[in-house]
Amino acid sequence: MFAVIKTGGKQYKVEVGSVLKVEKLAAEVNSDVEIKEVLLVGEGDNVTVGTPLVNSASVVATVKEHGKGEKKINFKYNKKTYYRKKGHRQQYTTIEVKSINA
């Protein structure tokens, strides 16, 4: 069984046991998170597509860790008078999918 979920403005295809990094969630480590924004649920040839969401479906995942991604550098430069160097590290949450409830 698989599902397509939406979290943090992005869409992910997940199965039971899959581990993925998503935008930071407000949850403690080793706690369960229920994601109700399920766009599609499928098992074999039986696929349910939501309009836009599948109302009766949810995905339960366990929070494994929080962290920061690699640093991205934004650099603007004008040869005479101006330069700006700015860095950014995106925060993420690693989750493991426990179950898909359809």
PDB file of N, CA and C in Angstrom:
ATOM      1  N   MET A   1       0.845  -1.175   0.000  1.00  0.00           N
ATOM      2  CA  MET A   1       0.000   0.000   0.000  1.00  0.00           C
ATOM      3  C   MET A   1       0.887   1.232   0.000  1.00  0.00           C
ATOM      4  N   PHE A   2       0.503   2.231  -0.753  1.00  0.00           N
ATOM      5  CA  PHE A   2       1.251   3.478  -0.810  1.00  0.00           C
ATOM      6  C   PHE A   2       0.276   4.647  -0.733  1.00  0.00           C
ATOM      7  N   ALA A   3       0.836   5.822  -0.441  1.00  0.00           N
ATOM      8  CA  ALA A   3       0.030   7.034  -0.364  1.00  0.00           C
ATOM      9  C   ALA A   3       0.881   8.207  -0.809  1.00  0.00           C
ATOM     10  N   VAL A   4       0.221   9.247  -1.286  1.00  0.00           N
ATOM     11  CA  VAL A   4       0.879  10.504  -1.605  1.00  0.00           C
ATOM     12  C   VAL A   4       0.370  11.516  -0.590  1.00  0.00           C
ATOM     13  N   ILE A   5       1.308  12.072   0.196  1.00  0.00           N
ATOM     14  CA  ILE A   5       0.936  13.019   1.244  1.00  0.00           C
ATOM     15  C   ILE A   5       1.490  14.394   0.899  1.00  0.00           C
ATOM     16  N   LYS A   6       0.926  15.407   1.546  1.00  0.00           N
ATOM     17  CA  LYS A   6       1.383  16.779   1.363  1.00  0.00           C
ATOM     18  C   LYS A   6       1.731  17.338   2.736  1.00  0.00           C
ATOM     19  N   THR A   7       2.982  17.791   2.876  1.00  0.00           N
ATOM     20  CA  THR A   7       3.412  18.424   4.110  1.00  0.00           C
ATOM     21  C   THR A   7       4.511  19.415   3.786  1.00  0.00           C
ATOM     22  N   GLY A   8       4.445  20.577   4.379  1.00  0.00           N
ATOM     23  CA  GLY A   8       5.444  21.601   4.141  1.00  0.00           C
ATOM     24  C   GLY A   8       5.424  22.147   2.733  1.00  0.00           C
ATOM     25  N   GLY A   9       4.278  22.087   2.055  1.00  0.00           N
ATOM     26  CA  GLY A   9       4.175  22.598   0.698  1.00  0.00           C
ATOM     27  C   GLY A   9       4.734  21.669  -0.357  1.00  0.00           C
ATOM     28  N   LYS A  10       5.141  20.466   0.030  1.00  0.00           N
ATOM     29  CA  LYS A  10       5.690  19.497  -0.915  1.00  0.00           C
ATOM     30  C   LYS A  10       4.880  18.206  -0.846  1.00  0.00           C
ATOM     31  N   GLN A  11       4.981  17.407  -1.910  1.00  0.00           N
ATOM     32  CA  GLN A  11       4.272  16.134  -1.971  1.00  0.00           C
ATOM     33  C   GLN A  11       5.280  14.994  -1.945  1.00  0.00           C
ATOM     34  N   TYR A  12       4.947  13.927  -1.190  1.00  0.00           N
ATOM     35  CA  TYR A  12       5.823  12.785  -1.043  1.00  0.00           C
ATOM     36  C   TYR A  12       5.029  11.511  -1.255  1.00  0.00           C
ATOM     37  N   LYS A  13       5.605  10.542  -1.975  1.00  0.00           N
ATOM     38  CA  LYS A  13       5.033   9.215  -2.101  1.00  0.00           C
ATOM     39  C   LYS A  13       5.646   8.353  -1.008  1.00  0.00           C
ATOM     40  N   VAL A  14       4.811   7.784  -0.137  1.00  0.00           N
ATOM     41  CA  VAL A  14       5.299   7.037   1.015  1.00  0.00           C
ATOM     42  C   VAL A  14       4.697   5.640   1.036  1.00  0.00           C
ATOM     43  N   GLU A  15       5.425   4.728   1.655  1.00  0.00           N
ATOM     44  CA  GLU A  15       4.962   3.380   1.946  1.00  0.00           C
ATOM     45  C   GLU A  15       5.263   3.108   3.406  1.00  0.00           C
ATOM     46  N   VAL A  16       4.715   2.045   3.945  1.00  0.00           N
ATOM     47  CA  VAL A  16       4.973   1.695   5.337  1.00  0.00           C
ATOM     48  C   VAL A  16       6.451   1.346   5.477  1.00  0.00           C
ATOM     49  N   GLY A  17       7.122   1.964   6.451  1.00  0.00           N
ATOM     50  CA  GLY A  17       8.537   1.726   6.682  1.00  0.00           C
ATOM     51  C   GLY A  17       9.463   2.704   5.990  1.00  0.00           C
ATOM     52  N   SER A  18       8.940   3.574   5.129  1.00  0.00           N
ATOM     53  CA  SER A  18       9.814   4.522   4.428  1.00  0.00           C
ATOM     54  C   SER A  18      10.228   5.658   5.371  1.00  0.00           C
ATOM     55  N   VAL A  19      11.472   6.108   5.187  1.00  0.00           N
ATOM     56  CA  VAL A  19      12.042   7.186   6.000  1.00  0.00           C
ATOM     57  C   VAL A  19      12.299   8.364   5.078  1.00  0.00           C
ATOM     58  N   LEU A  20      11.838   9.560   5.479  1.00  0.00           N
ATOM     59  CA  LEU A  20      12.043  10.728   4.640  1.00  0.00           C
ATOM     60  C   LEU A  20      12.243  11.978   5.479  1.00  0.00           C
ATOM     61  N   LYS A  21      12.862  12.994   4.861  1.00  0.00           N
ATOM     62  CA  LYS A  21      13.094  14.282   5.497  1.00  0.00           C
ATOM     63  C   LYS A  21      12.060  15.264   4.973  1.00  0.00           C
ATOM     64  N   VAL A  22      11.325  15.889   5.892  1.00  0.00           N
ATOM     65  CA  VAL A  22      10.301  16.869   5.535  1.00  0.00           C
ATOM     66  C   VAL A  22      10.630  18.184   6.215  1.00  0.00           C
ATOM     67  N   GLU A  23       9.910  19.241   5.846  1.00  0.00           N
ATOM     68  CA  GLU A  23      10.065  20.527   6.526  1.00  0.00           C
ATOM     69  C   GLU A  23       9.804  20.323   8.013  1.00  0.00           C
ATOM     70  N   LYS A  24      10.400  21.149   8.848  1.00  0.00           N
ATOM     71  CA  LYS A  24      10.340  20.961  10.298  1.00  0.00           C
ATOM     72  C   LYS A  24       8.904  20.912  10.806  1.00  0.00           C
ATOM     73  N   LEU A  25       8.616  19.882  11.603  1.00  0.00           N
ATOM     74  CA  LEU A  25       7.316  19.705  12.228  1.00  0.00           C
ATOM     75  C   LEU A  25       7.433  20.032  13.712  1.00  0.00           C
ATOM     76  N   ALA A  26       6.362  20.556  14.271  1.00  0.00           N
ATOM     77  CA  ALA A  26       6.339  20.903  15.696  1.00  0.00           C
ATOM     78  C   ALA A  26       5.922  19.669  16.489  1.00  0.00           C
ATOM     79  N   ALA A  27       6.865  18.729  16.665  1.00  0.00           N
ATOM     80  CA  ALA A  27       6.601  17.503  17.410  1.00  0.00           C
ATOM     81  C   ALA A  27       7.893  17.058  18.083  1.00  0.00           C
ATOM     82  N   GLU A  28       7.753  16.353  19.192  1.00  0.00           N
ATOM     83  CA  GLU A  28       8.914  15.856  19.922  1.00  0.00           C
ATOM     84  C   GLU A  28       9.484  14.608  19.236  1.00  0.00           C
ATOM     85  N   VAL A  29      10.757  14.335  19.501  1.00  0.00           N
ATOM     86  CA  VAL A  29      11.402  13.131  18.976  1.00  0.00           C
ATOM     87  C   VAL A  29      10.751  11.904  19.620  1.00  0.00           C
ATOM     88  N   ASN A  30      10.569  10.844  18.842  1.00  0.00           N
ATOM     89  CA  ASN A  30       9.940   9.571  19.233  1.00  0.00           C
ATOM     90  C   ASN A  30       8.443   9.705  19.495  1.00  0.00           C
ATOM     91  N   SER A  31       7.820  10.785  19.048  1.00  0.00           N
ATOM     92  CA  SER A  31       6.371  10.913  19.169  1.00  0.00           C
ATOM     93  C   SER A  31       5.744  10.610  17.809  1.00  0.00           C
ATOM     94  N   ASP A  32       4.469  10.290  17.829  1.00  0.00           N
ATOM     95  CA  ASP A  32       3.741   9.985  16.601  1.00  0.00           C
ATOM     96  C   ASP A  32       3.084  11.235  16.044  1.00  0.00           C
ATOM     97  N   VAL A  33       3.092  11.350  14.720  1.00  0.00           N
ATOM     98  CA  VAL A  33       2.473  12.469  14.021  1.00  0.00           C
ATOM     99  C   VAL A  33       1.463  11.886  13.044  1.00  0.00           C
ATOM    100  N   GLU A  34       0.251  12.427  13.038  1.00  0.00           N
ATOM    101  CA  GLU A  34      -0.766  11.983  12.087  1.00  0.00           C
ATOM    102  C   GLU A  34      -0.894  13.038  10.994  1.00  0.00           C
ATOM    103  N   ILE A  35      -0.668  12.621   9.754  1.00  0.00           N
ATOM    104  CA  ILE A  35      -0.753  13.515   8.606  1.00  0.00           C
ATOM    105  C   ILE A  35      -2.078  13.223   7.905  1.00  0.00           C
ATOM    106  N   LYS A  36      -2.958  14.234   7.883  1.00  0.00           N
ATOM    107  CA  LYS A  36      -4.291  14.049   7.311  1.00  0.00           C
ATOM    108  C   LYS A  36      -4.408  14.556   5.887  1.00  0.00           C
ATOM    109  N   GLU A  37      -3.387  15.245   5.389  1.00  0.00           N
ATOM    110  CA  GLU A  37      -3.422  15.739   4.010  1.00  0.00           C
ATOM    111  C   GLU A  37      -2.922  14.645   3.069  1.00  0.00           C
ATOM    112  N   VAL A  38      -3.810  13.707   2.765  1.00  0.00           N
ATOM    113  CA  VAL A  38      -3.501  12.583   1.885  1.00  0.00           C
ATOM    114  C   VAL A  38      -4.164  12.848   0.541  1.00  0.00           C
ATOM    115  N   LEU A  39      -3.367  12.884  -0.522  1.00  0.00           N
ATOM    116  CA  LEU A  39      -3.872  13.202  -1.859  1.00  0.00           C
ATOM    117  C   LEU A  39      -4.272  11.969  -2.651  1.00  0.00           C
ATOM    118  N   LEU A  40      -3.642  10.821  -2.363  1.00  0.00           N
ATOM    119  CA  LEU A  40      -3.889   9.614  -3.138  1.00  0.00           C
ATOM    120  C   LEU A  40      -3.534   8.413  -2.273  1.00  0.00           C
ATOM    121  N   VAL A  41      -4.334   7.357  -2.374  1.00  0.00           N
ATOM    122  CA  VAL A  41      -4.063   6.100  -1.681  1.00  0.00           C
ATOM    123  C   VAL A  41      -4.213   4.983  -2.695  1.00  0.00           C
ATOM    124  N   GLY A  42      -3.252   4.059  -2.722  1.00  0.00           N
ATOM    125  CA  GLY A  42      -3.324   2.973  -3.680  1.00  0.00           C
ATOM    126  C   GLY A  42      -2.789   1.679  -3.126  1.00  0.00           C
ATOM    127  N   GLU A  43      -3.372   0.572  -3.616  1.00  0.00           N
ATOM    128  CA  GLU A  43      -2.901  -0.764  -3.276  1.00  0.00           C
ATOM    129  C   GLU A  43      -3.131  -1.638  -4.503  1.00  0.00           C
ATOM    130  N   GLY A  44      -2.047  -1.946  -5.211  1.00  0.00           N
ATOM    131  CA  GLY A  44      -2.176  -2.711  -6.449  1.00  0.00           C
ATOM    132  C   GLY A  44      -2.867  -1.882  -7.514  1.00  0.00           C
ATOM    133  N   ASP A  45      -3.940  -2.427  -8.091  1.00  0.00           N
ATOM    134  CA  ASP A  45      -4.700  -1.707  -9.107  1.00  0.00           C
ATOM    135  C   ASP A  45      -5.804  -0.839  -8.528  1.00  0.00           C
ATOM    136  N   ASN A  46      -6.056  -0.946  -7.227  1.00  0.00           N
ATOM    137  CA  ASN A  46      -7.105  -0.171  -6.567  1.00  0.00           C
ATOM    138  C   ASN A  46      -6.513   1.156  -6.091  1.00  0.00           C
ATOM    139  N   VAL A  47      -6.816   2.249  -6.800  1.00  0.00           N
ATOM    140  CA  VAL A  47      -6.270   3.573  -6.480  1.00  0.00           C
ATOM    141  C   VAL A  47      -7.424   4.530  -6.195  1.00  0.00           C
ATOM    142  N   THR A  48      -7.322   5.261  -5.071  1.00  0.00           N
ATOM    143  CA  THR A  48      -8.308   6.269  -4.707  1.00  0.00           C
ATOM    144  C   THR A  48      -7.638   7.635  -4.799  1.00  0.00           C
ATOM    145  N   VAL A  49      -8.165   8.494  -5.657  1.00  0.00           N
ATOM    146  CA  VAL A  49      -7.634   9.834  -5.845  1.00  0.00           C
ATOM    147  C   VAL A  49      -8.580  10.816  -5.178  1.00  0.00           C
ATOM    148  N   GLY A  50      -8.034  11.711  -4.368  1.00  0.00           N
ATOM    149  CA  GLY A  50      -8.857  12.694  -3.672  1.00  0.00           C
ATOM    150  C   GLY A  50      -9.171  13.892  -4.549  1.00  0.00           C
ATOM    151  N   THR A  51     -10.195  14.635  -4.143  1.00  0.00           N
ATOM    152  CA  THR A  51     -10.580  15.847  -4.875  1.00  0.00           C
ATOM    153  C   THR A  51     -10.713  17.016  -3.908  1.00  0.00           C
ATOM    154  N   PRO A  52      -9.749  17.665  -3.404  1.00  0.00           N
ATOM    155  CA  PRO A  52      -8.317  17.424  -3.571  1.00  0.00           C
ATOM    156  C   PRO A  52      -7.742  16.432  -2.571  1.00  0.00           C
ATOM    157  N   LEU A  53      -8.450  16.131  -1.459  1.00  0.00           N
ATOM    158  CA  LEU A  53      -7.928  15.215  -0.439  1.00  0.00           C
ATOM    159  C   LEU A  53      -8.812  13.987  -0.320  1.00  0.00           C
ATOM    160  N   VAL A  54      -8.211  12.892   0.122  1.00  0.00           N
ATOM    161  CA  VAL A  54      -8.968  11.689   0.475  1.00  0.00           C
ATOM    162  C   VAL A  54      -9.373  11.874   1.932  1.00  0.00           C
ATOM    163  N   ASN A  55     -10.670  12.082   2.176  1.00  0.00           N
ATOM    164  CA  ASN A  55     -11.137  12.471   3.509  1.00  0.00           C
ATOM    165  C   ASN A  55     -10.969  11.386   4.558  1.00  0.00           C
ATOM    166  N   SER A  56     -11.107  10.126   4.186  1.00  0.00           N
ATOM    167  CA  SER A  56     -11.079   9.052   5.172  1.00  0.00           C
ATOM    168  C   SER A  56      -9.683   8.501   5.417  1.00  0.00           C
ATOM    169  N   ALA A  57      -8.655   9.063   4.793  1.00  0.00           N
ATOM    170  CA  ALA A  57      -7.306   8.509   4.894  1.00  0.00           C
ATOM    171  C   ALA A  57      -6.415   9.372   5.779  1.00  0.00           C
ATOM    172  N   SER A  58      -5.445   8.717   6.402  1.00  0.00           N
ATOM    173  CA  SER A  58      -4.424   9.417   7.177  1.00  0.00           C
ATOM    174  C   SER A  58      -3.172   8.550   7.214  1.00  0.00           C
ATOM    175  N   VAL A  59      -2.058   9.187   7.494  1.00  0.00           N
ATOM    176  CA  VAL A  59      -0.771   8.497   7.593  1.00  0.00           C
ATOM    177  C   VAL A  59      -0.196   8.785   8.971  1.00  0.00           C
ATOM    178  N   VAL A  60       0.228   7.736   9.675  1.00  0.00           N
ATOM    179  CA  VAL A  60       0.818   7.879  10.996  1.00  0.00           C
ATOM    180  C   VAL A  60       2.316   7.639  10.861  1.00  0.00           C
ATOM    181  N   ALA A  61       3.109   8.588  11.368  1.00  0.00           N
ATOM    182  CA  ALA A  61       4.564   8.501  11.268  1.00  0.00           C
ATOM    183  C   ALA A  61       5.192   8.810  12.622  1.00  0.00           C
ATOM    184  N   THR A  62       6.408   8.309  12.830  1.00  0.00           N
ATOM    185  CA  THR A  62       7.164   8.562  14.051  1.00  0.00           C
ATOM    186  C   THR A  62       8.288   9.532  13.741  1.00  0.00           C
ATOM    187  N   VAL A  63       8.458  10.534  14.592  1.00  0.00           N
ATOM    188  CA  VAL A  63       9.527  11.515  14.421  1.00  0.00           C
ATOM    189  C   VAL A  63      10.824  10.886  14.926  1.00  0.00           C
ATOM    190  N   LYS A  64      11.817  10.796  14.047  1.00  0.00           N
ATOM    191  CA  LYS A  64      13.107  10.211  14.415  1.00  0.00           C
ATOM    192  C   LYS A  64      14.093  11.260  14.918  1.00  0.00           C
ATOM    193  N   GLU A  65      14.217  12.398  14.207  1.00  0.00           N
ATOM    194  CA  GLU A  65      15.154  13.432  14.629  1.00  0.00           C
ATOM    195  C   GLU A  65      14.817  14.754  13.965  1.00  0.00           C
ATOM    196  N   HIS A  66      15.356  15.817  14.522  1.00  0.00           N
ATOM    197  CA  HIS A  66      15.311  17.146  13.936  1.00  0.00           C
ATOM    198  C   HIS A  66      16.741  17.519  13.555  1.00  0.00           C
ATOM    199  N   GLY A  67      16.884  18.340  12.532  1.00  0.00           N
ATOM    200  CA  GLY A  67      18.230  18.737  12.140  1.00  0.00           C
ATOM    201  C   GLY A  67      18.207  19.919  11.200  1.00  0.00           C
ATOM    202  N   LYS A  68      19.411  20.282  10.727  1.00  0.00           N
ATOM    203  CA  LYS A  68      19.564  21.369   9.768  1.00  0.00           C
ATOM    204  C   LYS A  68      20.270  20.829   8.545  1.00  0.00           C
ATOM    205  N   GLY A  69      19.853  21.296   7.380  1.00  0.00           N
ATOM    206  CA  GLY A  69      20.469  20.888   6.138  1.00  0.00           C
ATOM    207  C   GLY A  69      21.800  21.588   5.923  1.00  0.00           C
ATOM    208  N   GLU A  70      22.395  21.333   4.765  1.00  0.00           N
ATOM    209  CA  GLU A  70      23.666  21.972   4.467  1.00  0.00           C
ATOM    210  C   GLU A  70      23.462  23.456   4.193  1.00  0.00           C
ATOM    211  N   LYS A  71      24.531  24.224   4.372  1.00  0.00           N
ATOM    212  CA  LYS A  71      24.440  25.670   4.241  1.00  0.00           C
ATOM    213  C   LYS A  71      24.426  26.084   2.774  1.00  0.00           C
ATOM    214  N   LYS A  72      23.485  26.940   2.427  1.00  0.00           N
ATOM    215  CA  LYS A  72      23.387  27.515   1.091  1.00  0.00           C
ATOM    216  C   LYS A  72      23.855  28.961   1.166  1.00  0.00           C
ATOM    217  N   ILE A  73      24.684  29.376   0.236  1.00  0.00           N
ATOM    218  CA  ILE A  73      25.241  30.719   0.227  1.00  0.00           C
ATOM    219  C   ILE A  73      24.590  31.533  -0.886  1.00  0.00           C
ATOM    220  N   ASN A  74      24.116  32.724  -0.531  1.00  0.00           N
ATOM    221  CA  ASN A  74      23.579  33.679  -1.488  1.00  0.00           C
ATOM    222  C   ASN A  74      24.553  34.852  -1.530  1.00  0.00           C
ATOM    223  N   PHE A  75      25.134  35.115  -2.695  1.00  0.00           N
ATOM    224  CA  PHE A  75      26.159  36.155  -2.804  1.00  0.00           C
ATOM    225  C   PHE A  75      25.807  37.097  -3.934  1.00  0.00           C
ATOM    226  N   LYS A  76      25.680  38.394  -3.610  1.00  0.00           N
ATOM    227  CA  LYS A  76      25.441  39.439  -4.609  1.00  0.00           C
ATOM    228  C   LYS A  76      26.667  40.329  -4.640  1.00  0.00           C
ATOM    229  N   TYR A  77      27.041  40.774  -5.834  1.00  0.00           N
ATOM    230  CA  TYR A  77      28.286  41.524  -5.962  1.00  0.00           C
ATOM    231  C   TYR A  77      28.174  42.580  -7.041  1.00  0.00           C
ATOM    232  N   ASN A  78      28.614  43.775  -6.722  1.00  0.00           N
ATOM    233  CA  ASN A  78      28.795  44.854  -7.683  1.00  0.00           C
ATOM    234  C   ASN A  78      30.242  45.293  -7.549  1.00  0.00           C
ATOM    235  N   LYS A  79      30.980  45.362  -8.622  1.00  0.00           N
ATOM    236  CA  LYS A  79      32.428  45.542  -8.550  1.00  0.00           C
ATOM    237  C   LYS A  79      32.868  46.845  -7.893  1.00  0.00           C
ATOM    238  N   LYS A  80      32.027  47.839  -7.834  1.00  0.00           N
ATOM    239  CA  LYS A  80      32.475  49.114  -7.272  1.00  0.00           C
ATOM    240  C   LYS A  80      32.073  49.305  -5.812  1.00  0.00           C
ATOM    241  N   THR A  81      30.810  49.109  -5.486  1.00  0.00           N
ATOM    242  CA  THR A  81      30.376  49.586  -4.170  1.00  0.00           C
ATOM    243  C   THR A  81      29.625  48.585  -3.313  1.00  0.00           C
ATOM    244  N   TYR A  82      29.169  47.483  -3.842  1.00  0.00           N
ATOM    245  CA  TYR A  82      28.185  46.706  -3.095  1.00  0.00           C
ATOM    246  C   TYR A  82      28.503  45.222  -3.164  1.00  0.00           C
ATOM    247  N   TYR A  83      28.415  44.555  -2.021  1.00  0.00           N
ATOM    248  CA  TYR A  83      28.402  43.099  -2.003  1.00  0.00           C
ATOM    249  C   TYR A  83      27.621  42.655  -0.778  1.00  0.00           C
ATOM    250  N   ARG A  84      27.049  41.474  -0.890  1.00  0.00           N
ATOM    251  CA  ARG A  84      26.298  40.920   0.222  1.00  0.00           C
ATOM    252  C   ARG A  84      26.450  39.412   0.202  1.00  0.00           C
ATOM    253  N   LYS A  85      26.827  38.853   1.318  1.00  0.00           N
ATOM    254  CA  LYS A  85      26.958  37.404   1.462  1.00  0.00           C
ATOM    255  C   LYS A  85      26.038  36.972   2.584  1.00  0.00           C
ATOM    256  N   LYS A  86      25.146  36.055   2.267  1.00  0.00           N
ATOM    257  CA  LYS A  86      24.157  35.621   3.228  1.00  0.00           C
ATOM    258  C   LYS A  86      24.036  34.105   3.154  1.00  0.00           C
ATOM    259  N   GLY A  87      23.924  33.440   4.287  1.00  0.00           N
ATOM    260  CA  GLY A  87      23.796  31.989   4.320  1.00  0.00           C
ATOM    261  C   GLY A  87      22.452  31.561   4.894  1.00  0.00           C
ATOM    262  N   HIS A  88      22.053  30.326   4.571  1.00  0.00           N
ATOM    263  CA  HIS A  88      20.781  29.787   5.066  1.00  0.00           C
ATOM    264  C   HIS A  88      20.922  28.291   5.262  1.00  0.00           C
ATOM    265  N   ARG A  89      20.412  27.787   6.387  1.00  0.00           N
ATOM    266  CA  ARG A  89      20.358  26.349   6.638  1.00  0.00           C
ATOM    267  C   ARG A  89      18.910  25.986   6.931  1.00  0.00           C
ATOM    268  N   GLN A  90      18.311  25.182   6.065  1.00  0.00           N
ATOM    269  CA  GLN A  90      16.911  24.808   6.209  1.00  0.00           C
ATOM    270  C   GLN A  90      16.767  23.743   7.298  1.00  0.00           C
ATOM    271  N   GLN A  91      15.809  23.938   8.185  1.00  0.00           N
ATOM    272  CA  GLN A  91      15.545  22.956   9.230  1.00  0.00           C
ATOM    273  C   GLN A  91      14.644  21.863   8.686  1.00  0.00           C
ATOM    274  N   TYR A  92      14.858  20.625   9.147  1.00  0.00           N
ATOM    275  CA  TYR A  92      14.068  19.491   8.676  1.00  0.00           C
ATOM    276  C   TYR A  92      13.753  18.551   9.830  1.00  0.00           C
ATOM    277  N   THR A  93      12.814  17.658   9.576  1.00  0.00           N
ATOM    278  CA  THR A  93      12.445  16.606  10.507  1.00  0.00           C
ATOM    279  C   THR A  93      12.497  15.284   9.752  1.00  0.00           C
ATOM    280  N   THR A  94      13.155  14.290  10.321  1.00  0.00           N
ATOM    281  CA  THR A  94      13.195  12.954   9.736  1.00  0.00           C
ATOM    282  C   THR A  94      12.062  12.137  10.351  1.00  0.00           C
ATOM    283  N   ILE A  95      11.200  11.570   9.487  1.00  0.00           N
ATOM    284  CA  ILE A  95      10.074  10.764   9.965  1.00  0.00           C
ATOM    285  C   ILE A  95      10.131   9.379   9.330  1.00  0.00           C
ATOM    286  N   GLU A  96       9.550   8.401  10.044  1.00  0.00           N
ATOM    287  CA  GLU A  96       9.399   7.053   9.516  1.00  0.00           C
ATOM    288  C   GLU A  96       7.915   6.707   9.527  1.00  0.00           C
ATOM    289  N   VAL A  97       7.396   6.256   8.403  1.00  0.00           N
ATOM    290  CA  VAL A  97       5.971   5.972   8.265  1.00  0.00           C
ATOM    291  C   VAL A  97       5.664   4.634   8.943  1.00  0.00           C
ATOM    292  N   LYS A  98       4.706   4.653   9.874  1.00  0.00           N
ATOM    293  CA  LYS A  98       4.308   3.440  10.589  1.00  0.00           C
ATOM    294  C   LYS A  98       3.109   2.759   9.944  1.00  0.00           C
ATOM    295  N   SER A  99       2.101   3.559   9.572  1.00  0.00           N
ATOM    296  CA  SER A  99       0.894   2.950   9.007  1.00  0.00           C
ATOM    297  C   SER A  99       0.176   3.929   8.097  1.00  0.00           C
ATOM    298  N   ILE A 100      -0.570   3.343   7.154  1.00  0.00           N
ATOM    299  CA  ILE A 100      -1.414   4.111   6.254  1.00  0.00           C
ATOM    300  C   ILE A 100      -2.837   3.644   6.471  1.00  0.00           C
ATOM    301  N   ASN A 101      -3.693   4.540   6.939  1.00  0.00           N
ATOM    302  CA  ASN A 101      -5.094   4.206   7.224  1.00  0.00           C
ATOM    303  C   ASN A 101      -5.958   4.729   6.097  1.00  0.00           C
ATOM    304  N   ALA A 102      -6.579   3.810   5.360  1.00  0.00           N
ATOM    305  CA  ALA A 102      -7.395   4.221   4.220  1.00  0.00           C
ATOM    306  C   ALA A 102      -8.872   4.134   4.528  1.00  0.00           C
TER     307      ALA A 102
END
